[in-house]
Amino acid sequence: MKTATISRTDNVVYIDGVAVPVDCSDIDPAVHVIQWNEEAQRGAIEFVDDDPNDGFKEPNQPIDDISAWRSYIDTAAATLLAAKQRGEPDAADSAEATRS
């Protein structure tokens, strides 16, 4: 895995661009997505614009530790790996990438 995006609003985790349904409902509702780059060990939290008419959106918050959200990524990676083992072609390349 090189990159992961956890989308609380869509209940999806993207592993290197491949979408995997994951229940993200217990993430703070103010969070829209959490971006993570495994190689750089850096990412960002992007917040929901709760009032587009007020001219203010919470700025992205840089992060250098994904441990609080690692379980969502691990769940998605396990789902991709299981899909690969079942021979599902769309997951094959991505499942291989999650182990690197």
Protein backbone atom coordinates (compact mmCIF):
# COMPACT_ATOMS: atom_id res chain seq x y z
CA MET A 1 0.00 0.00 0.00
CA LYS A 2 1.25 3.43 -0.92
CA THR A 3 -1.78 5.59 -0.22
CA ALA A 4 -5.03 5.31 1.67
CA THR A 5 -8.06 7.56 1.85
CA ILE A 6 -10.67 6.97 4.51
CA SER A 7 -13.96 8.57 3.53
CA ARG A 8 -16.24 8.84 6.54
CA THR A 9 -19.03 10.40 4.51
CA ASP A 10 -19.03 7.55 1.92
CA ASN A 11 -18.12 4.67 4.29
CA VAL A 12 -15.31 3.70 1.91
CA VAL A 13 -11.57 3.23 2.25
CA TYR A 14 -9.51 3.65 -0.89
CA ILE A 15 -6.31 1.61 -0.98
CA ASP A 16 -4.11 2.86 -3.81
CA GLY A 17 -7.25 4.09 -5.53
CA VAL A 18 -9.35 0.92 -5.09
CA ALA A 19 -12.59 1.52 -3.17
CA VAL A 20 -13.49 -0.90 -0.38
CA PRO A 21 -16.71 -0.50 1.64
CA VAL A 22 -15.81 -0.09 5.33
CA ASP A 23 -18.06 1.15 8.12
CA CYS A 24 -16.59 4.51 9.11
CA SER A 25 -19.63 5.76 11.01
CA ASP A 26 -17.81 6.04 14.32
CA ILE A 27 -15.33 8.61 12.97
CA ASP A 28 -16.03 12.17 14.14
CA PRO A 29 -18.83 13.59 11.94
CA ALA A 30 -16.78 16.77 11.40
CA VAL A 31 -14.30 14.69 9.36
CA HIS A 32 -14.85 14.29 5.63
CA VAL A 33 -11.76 12.23 4.68
CA ILE A 34 -8.43 11.17 6.09
CA GLN A 35 -5.62 10.99 3.53
CA TRP A 36 -2.46 8.96 4.23
CA ASN A 37 0.78 8.41 2.32
CA GLU A 38 2.56 5.36 3.70
CA GLU A 39 5.95 6.16 2.16
CA ALA A 40 6.02 9.73 3.45
CA GLN A 41 4.38 8.75 6.75
CA ARG A 42 2.25 11.87 6.40
CA GLY A 43 -1.31 12.72 5.66
CA ALA A 44 -4.14 15.12 6.36
CA ILE A 45 -7.60 15.25 7.81
CA GLU A 46 -10.09 17.10 5.62
CA PHE A 47 -13.14 18.44 7.39
CA VAL A 48 -16.76 18.74 6.31
CA ASP A 49 -17.93 22.18 5.27
CA ASP A 50 -20.93 22.23 7.58
CA ASP A 51 -22.16 25.61 6.34
CA PRO A 52 -21.08 26.48 2.79
CA ASN A 53 -22.76 29.88 3.12
CA ASP A 54 -20.63 31.18 5.99
CA GLY A 55 -17.43 31.47 3.94
CA PHE A 56 -15.46 29.36 6.42
CA LYS A 57 -14.25 25.78 6.18
CA GLU A 58 -12.02 24.21 8.80
CA PRO A 59 -8.52 23.99 7.27
CA ASN A 60 -6.98 20.58 6.63
CA GLN A 61 -5.06 19.24 9.60
CA PRO A 62 -1.71 17.63 8.78
CA ILE A 63 -1.01 14.31 10.53
CA ASP A 64 2.11 12.20 10.93
CA ASP A 65 0.52 9.27 12.75
CA ILE A 66 -2.27 7.09 11.33
CA SER A 67 -2.57 4.74 14.32
CA ALA A 68 -5.95 6.16 15.41
CA TRP A 69 -7.41 5.17 12.02
CA ARG A 70 -5.18 2.21 11.10
CA SER A 71 -7.99 -0.28 11.79
CA TYR A 72 -10.02 1.10 8.86
CA ILE A 73 -7.06 0.65 6.51
CA ASP A 74 -6.36 -2.83 7.88
CA THR A 75 -10.01 -3.83 7.35
CA ALA A 76 -9.91 -2.62 3.75
CA ALA A 77 -6.57 -4.36 3.11
CA ALA A 78 -7.90 -7.64 4.52
CA THR A 79 -10.99 -7.36 2.32
CA LEU A 80 -8.82 -6.81 -0.77
CA LEU A 81 -6.58 -9.73 0.13
CA ALA A 82 -9.60 -12.02 0.62
CA ALA A 83 -10.95 -10.91 -2.76
CA LYS A 84 -7.62 -11.72 -4.37
CA GLN A 85 -7.58 -15.16 -2.76
CA ARG A 86 -11.07 -15.78 -4.16
CA GLY A 87 -9.68 -14.88 -7.58
CA GLU A 88 -11.54 -11.62 -8.08
CA PRO A 89 -9.52 -9.89 -10.82
CA ASP A 90 -10.19 -6.26 -9.83
CA ALA A 91 -8.69 -6.77 -6.40
CA ALA A 92 -5.63 -8.78 -7.41
CA ASP A 93 -3.17 -5.96 -8.06
CA SER A 94 -4.35 -3.87 -5.13
CA ALA A 95 -4.27 -6.74 -2.67
CA GLU A 96 -0.67 -7.40 -3.61
CA ALA A 97 0.14 -3.72 -3.01
CA THR A 98 -1.38 -3.79 0.50
CA ARG A 99 1.25 -6.25 1.63
CA SER A 100 4.20 -4.09 0.60
